[in-house]
Amino acid sequence: MKNTFAKLAEYIRKEETNVFIPGRKADHEVQDTMAVGCHKLLEGEVDLSVVDQSEDTSGIEIEVDDDGRESKCWYGFNDEELEEDIEELEDDMEELKDDMEELKDDMV
């Protein structure tokens, strides 16, 4: 695998595949799927009534930067579940502390 990556790195350096060179041809062109999807939505080619909306998205918030671009998306959590998880972790930590004290005592 090391040899494969070395050959690939040499090819990238030699051919400058990461550099835009006007007029360079390629066997394959990567489609701009975001633009295609937006076009389909705007042209009404997508029937949104058949979209599965059974998933609970009430906890999803999208943060937007000052320039209006989406910066990140995070999923909200149920506060009660988080409280339970925190309590469980605190209990586990107490048990670990007790186990550590026992180990210290056994070593002395």
N, C-alpha and C. Protein backbone atom coordinates (compact mmCIF):
# COMPACT_ATOMS: atom_id res chain seq x y z
N MET A 1 0.82 -1.18 0.00
CA MET A 1 0.00 0.00 0.00
C MET A 1 0.87 1.25 0.00
N LYS A 2 1.99 1.18 0.72
CA LYS A 2 2.91 2.32 0.77
C LYS A 2 3.43 2.64 -0.64
N ASN A 3 3.75 1.61 -1.40
CA ASN A 3 4.22 1.81 -2.78
C ASN A 3 3.13 2.42 -3.65
N THR A 4 1.90 1.98 -3.46
CA THR A 4 0.78 2.51 -4.23
C THR A 4 0.62 4.00 -3.98
N PHE A 5 0.66 4.41 -2.70
CA PHE A 5 0.52 5.83 -2.39
C PHE A 5 1.72 6.63 -2.89
N ALA A 6 2.89 6.05 -2.86
CA ALA A 6 4.07 6.74 -3.37
C ALA A 6 3.93 6.99 -4.87
N LYS A 7 3.47 5.97 -5.62
CA LYS A 7 3.26 6.13 -7.06
C LYS A 7 2.17 7.17 -7.34
N LEU A 8 1.09 7.12 -6.55
CA LEU A 8 0.01 8.08 -6.73
C LEU A 8 0.49 9.50 -6.45
N ALA A 9 1.25 9.69 -5.38
CA ALA A 9 1.78 11.01 -5.04
C ALA A 9 2.69 11.53 -6.15
N GLU A 10 3.53 10.66 -6.71
CA GLU A 10 4.42 11.07 -7.80
C GLU A 10 3.61 11.46 -9.04
N TYR A 11 2.57 10.70 -9.34
CA TYR A 11 1.72 11.01 -10.49
C TYR A 11 1.04 12.37 -10.31
N ILE A 12 0.53 12.63 -9.09
CA ILE A 12 -0.13 13.90 -8.81
C ILE A 12 0.85 15.06 -8.95
N ARG A 13 2.08 14.89 -8.44
CA ARG A 13 3.09 15.94 -8.58
C ARG A 13 3.43 16.19 -10.04
N LYS A 14 3.63 15.11 -10.76
CA LYS A 14 4.06 15.21 -12.17
C LYS A 14 2.96 15.81 -13.06
N GLU A 15 1.74 15.30 -12.90
CA GLU A 15 0.63 15.71 -13.77
C GLU A 15 -0.14 16.92 -13.25
N GLU A 16 0.16 17.35 -12.02
CA GLU A 16 -0.53 18.48 -11.39
C GLU A 16 -2.05 18.32 -11.49
N THR A 17 -2.53 17.16 -11.05
CA THR A 17 -3.95 16.87 -11.16
C THR A 17 -4.80 17.74 -10.24
N ASN A 18 -4.19 18.34 -9.23
CA ASN A 18 -4.92 19.19 -8.30
C ASN A 18 -4.90 20.66 -8.72
N VAL A 19 -4.33 20.96 -9.89
CA VAL A 19 -4.21 22.33 -10.37
C VAL A 19 -5.12 22.51 -11.59
N PHE A 20 -5.89 23.61 -11.60
CA PHE A 20 -6.74 23.90 -12.75
C PHE A 20 -5.87 24.37 -13.90
N ILE A 21 -5.99 23.70 -15.02
CA ILE A 21 -5.27 24.09 -16.23
C ILE A 21 -6.31 24.26 -17.33
N PRO A 22 -6.52 25.52 -17.78
CA PRO A 22 -7.53 25.75 -18.82
C PRO A 22 -7.28 24.89 -20.05
N GLY A 23 -8.33 24.29 -20.56
CA GLY A 23 -8.21 23.49 -21.78
C GLY A 23 -7.85 22.03 -21.54
N ARG A 24 -7.51 21.68 -20.31
CA ARG A 24 -7.18 20.28 -20.04
C ARG A 24 -8.44 19.44 -20.20
N LYS A 25 -8.34 18.33 -20.86
CA LYS A 25 -9.47 17.43 -21.08
C LYS A 25 -9.45 16.31 -20.06
N ALA A 26 -10.62 15.76 -19.81
CA ALA A 26 -10.74 14.64 -18.88
C ALA A 26 -11.70 13.61 -19.47
N ASP A 27 -11.48 12.35 -19.13
CA ASP A 27 -12.38 11.29 -19.60
C ASP A 27 -13.73 11.34 -18.90
N HIS A 28 -13.76 11.94 -17.72
CA HIS A 28 -14.99 11.96 -16.93
C HIS A 28 -15.17 13.35 -16.33
N GLU A 29 -16.39 13.84 -16.32
CA GLU A 29 -16.70 15.12 -15.72
C GLU A 29 -17.63 14.89 -14.54
N VAL A 30 -17.29 15.48 -13.41
CA VAL A 30 -18.12 15.32 -12.22
C VAL A 30 -19.28 16.30 -12.32
N GLN A 31 -20.48 15.76 -12.22
CA GLN A 31 -21.68 16.57 -12.34
C GLN A 31 -21.89 17.40 -11.07
N ASP A 32 -22.33 18.64 -11.21
CA ASP A 32 -22.65 19.49 -10.08
C ASP A 32 -24.05 19.11 -9.61
N THR A 33 -24.12 18.14 -8.70
CA THR A 33 -25.42 17.60 -8.28
C THR A 33 -26.25 18.62 -7.52
N MET A 34 -25.60 19.55 -6.83
CA MET A 34 -26.34 20.58 -6.12
C MET A 34 -27.09 21.47 -7.11
N ALA A 35 -26.42 21.87 -8.18
CA ALA A 35 -27.06 22.71 -9.19
C ALA A 35 -28.19 21.96 -9.89
N VAL A 36 -27.96 20.69 -10.18
CA VAL A 36 -28.99 19.87 -10.83
C VAL A 36 -30.22 19.75 -9.92
N GLY A 37 -29.99 19.49 -8.64
CA GLY A 37 -31.08 19.36 -7.69
C GLY A 37 -31.87 20.65 -7.52
N CYS A 38 -31.15 21.78 -7.42
CA CYS A 38 -31.83 23.08 -7.32
C CYS A 38 -32.65 23.36 -8.56
N HIS A 39 -32.08 23.04 -9.72
CA HIS A 39 -32.81 23.25 -10.98
C HIS A 39 -34.10 22.42 -11.00
N LYS A 40 -33.99 21.16 -10.58
CA LYS A 40 -35.18 20.29 -10.56
C LYS A 40 -36.25 20.84 -9.61
N LEU A 41 -35.82 21.35 -8.45
CA LEU A 41 -36.78 21.92 -7.51
C LEU A 41 -37.45 23.16 -8.09
N LEU A 42 -36.65 24.04 -8.69
CA LEU A 42 -37.20 25.27 -9.24
C LEU A 42 -38.12 25.02 -10.43
N GLU A 43 -37.82 24.00 -11.22
CA GLU A 43 -38.63 23.70 -12.39
C GLU A 43 -39.84 22.83 -12.06
N GLY A 44 -39.96 22.43 -10.79
CA GLY A 44 -41.10 21.61 -10.38
C GLY A 44 -41.00 20.17 -10.83
N GLU A 45 -39.80 19.71 -11.11
CA GLU A 45 -39.61 18.33 -11.56
C GLU A 45 -39.64 17.34 -10.40
N VAL A 46 -39.62 17.83 -9.18
CA VAL A 46 -39.61 16.97 -8.01
C VAL A 46 -40.95 17.14 -7.30
N ASP A 47 -41.63 16.03 -7.08
CA ASP A 47 -42.91 16.04 -6.38
C ASP A 47 -42.63 15.90 -4.88
N LEU A 48 -42.65 17.01 -4.17
CA LEU A 48 -42.33 17.00 -2.74
C LEU A 48 -43.39 16.33 -1.89
N SER A 49 -44.56 16.09 -2.45
CA SER A 49 -45.62 15.45 -1.67
C SER A 49 -45.31 13.98 -1.40
N VAL A 50 -44.41 13.38 -2.17
CA VAL A 50 -44.07 11.97 -1.97
C VAL A 50 -42.84 11.78 -1.11
N VAL A 51 -42.27 12.89 -0.64
CA VAL A 51 -41.08 12.81 0.21
C VAL A 51 -41.48 12.26 1.56
N ASP A 52 -40.72 11.28 2.06
CA ASP A 52 -41.00 10.67 3.36
C ASP A 52 -40.69 11.67 4.46
N GLN A 53 -41.73 12.13 5.13
CA GLN A 53 -41.53 13.10 6.20
C GLN A 53 -41.84 12.49 7.56
N SER A 54 -41.72 11.16 7.64
CA SER A 54 -42.01 10.48 8.90
C SER A 54 -40.90 10.68 9.92
N GLU A 55 -39.71 11.03 9.45
CA GLU A 55 -38.60 11.25 10.38
C GLU A 55 -38.81 12.54 11.15
N ASP A 56 -38.61 12.49 12.45
CA ASP A 56 -38.79 13.67 13.30
C ASP A 56 -37.60 14.60 13.09
N THR A 57 -37.85 15.75 12.50
CA THR A 57 -36.79 16.72 12.26
C THR A 57 -36.95 17.95 13.13
N SER A 58 -37.79 17.86 14.16
CA SER A 58 -38.06 19.03 15.00
C SER A 58 -36.83 19.48 15.77
N GLY A 59 -35.89 18.57 16.01
CA GLY A 59 -34.70 18.94 16.76
C GLY A 59 -33.56 19.43 15.89
N ILE A 60 -33.77 19.56 14.59
CA ILE A 60 -32.70 19.97 13.70
C ILE A 60 -32.72 21.48 13.56
N GLU A 61 -31.56 22.08 13.75
CA GLU A 61 -31.42 23.51 13.55
C GLU A 61 -30.28 23.73 12.58
N ILE A 62 -30.42 24.74 11.76
CA ILE A 62 -29.37 25.08 10.81
C ILE A 62 -28.85 26.45 11.16
N GLU A 63 -27.54 26.53 11.42
CA GLU A 63 -26.93 27.81 11.72
C GLU A 63 -26.50 28.46 10.42
N VAL A 64 -26.69 29.76 10.33
CA VAL A 64 -26.33 30.48 9.12
C VAL A 64 -25.35 31.57 9.49
N ASP A 65 -24.26 31.68 8.72
CA ASP A 65 -23.26 32.72 8.95
C ASP A 65 -23.82 34.08 8.57
N ASP A 66 -23.08 35.13 8.89
CA ASP A 66 -23.52 36.49 8.57
C ASP A 66 -23.75 36.70 7.09
N ASP A 67 -23.01 35.96 6.26
CA ASP A 67 -23.16 36.14 4.81
C ASP A 67 -24.33 35.32 4.25
N GLY A 68 -25.08 34.65 5.12
CA GLY A 68 -26.25 33.92 4.68
C GLY A 68 -25.98 32.47 4.31
N ARG A 69 -24.71 32.06 4.29
CA ARG A 69 -24.40 30.68 3.94
C ARG A 69 -24.57 29.78 5.15
N GLU A 70 -25.00 28.57 4.88
CA GLU A 70 -25.16 27.59 5.96
C GLU A 70 -23.79 27.23 6.50
N SER A 71 -23.64 27.32 7.82
CA SER A 71 -22.33 27.01 8.39
C SER A 71 -22.27 25.62 8.99
N LYS A 72 -23.34 25.20 9.63
CA LYS A 72 -23.34 23.84 10.17
C LYS A 72 -24.76 23.45 10.53
N CYS A 73 -24.96 22.18 10.65
CA CYS A 73 -26.28 21.66 11.02
C CYS A 73 -26.06 20.74 12.20
N TRP A 74 -26.89 20.86 13.20
CA TRP A 74 -26.76 19.97 14.35
C TRP A 74 -28.13 19.46 14.74
N TYR A 75 -28.11 18.33 15.37
CA TYR A 75 -29.35 17.70 15.80
C TYR A 75 -29.58 18.00 17.27
N GLY A 76 -30.76 18.50 17.59
CA GLY A 76 -31.12 18.75 18.98
C GLY A 76 -31.40 17.44 19.68
N PHE A 77 -31.23 17.41 20.97
CA PHE A 77 -31.44 16.20 21.74
C PHE A 77 -32.52 16.44 22.77
N ASN A 78 -33.16 15.38 23.17
CA ASN A 78 -34.17 15.43 24.22
C ASN A 78 -33.46 15.71 25.54
N ASP A 79 -33.84 16.81 26.20
CA ASP A 79 -33.18 17.22 27.45
C ASP A 79 -33.28 16.16 28.53
N GLU A 80 -34.43 15.47 28.63
CA GLU A 80 -34.59 14.45 29.66
C GLU A 80 -33.62 13.30 29.43
N GLU A 81 -33.45 12.89 28.18
CA GLU A 81 -32.52 11.81 27.88
C GLU A 81 -31.10 12.23 28.21
N LEU A 82 -30.75 13.48 27.92
CA LEU A 82 -29.41 13.97 28.24
C LEU A 82 -29.18 13.98 29.74
N GLU A 83 -30.18 14.42 30.50
CA GLU A 83 -30.06 14.43 31.96
C GLU A 83 -29.82 13.02 32.49
N GLU A 84 -30.57 12.05 31.96
CA GLU A 84 -30.41 10.66 32.39
C GLU A 84 -29.01 10.16 32.05
N ASP A 85 -28.55 10.48 30.84
CA ASP A 85 -27.20 10.05 30.43
C ASP A 85 -26.14 10.67 31.33
N ILE A 86 -26.30 11.94 31.66
CA ILE A 86 -25.33 12.62 32.52
C ILE A 86 -25.30 11.99 33.90
N GLU A 87 -26.47 11.71 34.45
CA GLU A 87 -26.54 11.07 35.77
C GLU A 87 -25.87 9.69 35.74
N GLU A 88 -26.13 8.94 34.67
CA GLU A 88 -25.52 7.62 34.53
C GLU A 88 -24.00 7.72 34.46
N LEU A 89 -23.50 8.69 33.71
CA LEU A 89 -22.06 8.89 33.60
C LEU A 89 -21.45 9.30 34.94
N GLU A 90 -22.15 10.16 35.67
CA GLU A 90 -21.66 10.57 36.98
C GLU A 90 -21.58 9.39 37.93
N ASP A 91 -22.60 8.51 37.89
CA ASP A 91 -22.59 7.30 38.72
C ASP A 91 -21.41 6.40 38.35
N ASP A 92 -21.19 6.24 37.04
CA ASP A 92 -20.08 5.42 36.57
C ASP A 92 -18.75 5.99 37.04
N MET A 93 -18.62 7.31 37.02
CA MET A 93 -17.38 7.94 37.47
C MET A 93 -17.16 7.71 38.96
N GLU A 94 -18.22 7.78 39.74
CA GLU A 94 -18.10 7.51 41.18
C GLU A 94 -17.63 6.08 41.42
N GLU A 95 -18.20 5.14 40.66
CA GLU A 95 -17.79 3.75 40.79
C GLU A 95 -16.31 3.58 40.43
N LEU A 96 -15.89 4.25 39.37
CA LEU A 96 -14.48 4.18 38.97
C LEU A 96 -13.57 4.76 40.04
N LYS A 97 -13.97 5.87 40.64
CA LYS A 97 -13.18 6.47 41.72
C LYS A 97 -13.04 5.49 42.88
N ASP A 98 -14.16 4.84 43.25
CA ASP A 98 -14.13 3.87 44.33
C ASP A 98 -13.20 2.70 44.00
N ASP A 99 -13.29 2.23 42.73
CA ASP A 99 -12.42 1.13 42.30
C ASP A 99 -10.95 1.54 42.36
N MET A 100 -10.66 2.78 41.99
CA MET A 100 -9.28 3.27 42.02
C MET A 100 -8.77 3.34 43.46
N GLU A 101 -9.61 3.77 44.36
CA GLU A 101 -9.21 3.83 45.78
C GLU A 101 -8.92 2.43 46.30
N GLU A 102 -9.74 1.47 45.95
CA GLU A 102 -9.51 0.08 46.38
C GLU A 102 -8.19 -0.44 45.83
N LEU A 103 -7.91 -0.13 44.57
CA LEU A 103 -6.65 -0.56 43.97
C LEU A 103 -5.46 0.07 44.68
N LYS A 104 -5.58 1.34 45.00
CA LYS A 104 -4.49 2.03 45.73
C LYS A 104 -4.27 1.35 47.08
N ASP A 105 -5.37 1.07 47.77
CA ASP A 105 -5.25 0.42 49.08
C ASP A 105 -4.60 -0.95 48.98
N ASP A 106 -4.94 -1.69 47.93
CA ASP A 106 -4.38 -3.03 47.73
C ASP A 106 -2.88 -2.96 47.42
N MET A 107 -2.45 -1.90 46.79
CA MET A 107 -1.05 -1.76 46.42
C MET A 107 -0.17 -1.38 47.61
N VAL A 108 -0.74 -0.77 48.63
CA VAL A 108 0.04 -0.33 49.79
C VAL A 108 0.24 -1.42 50.77
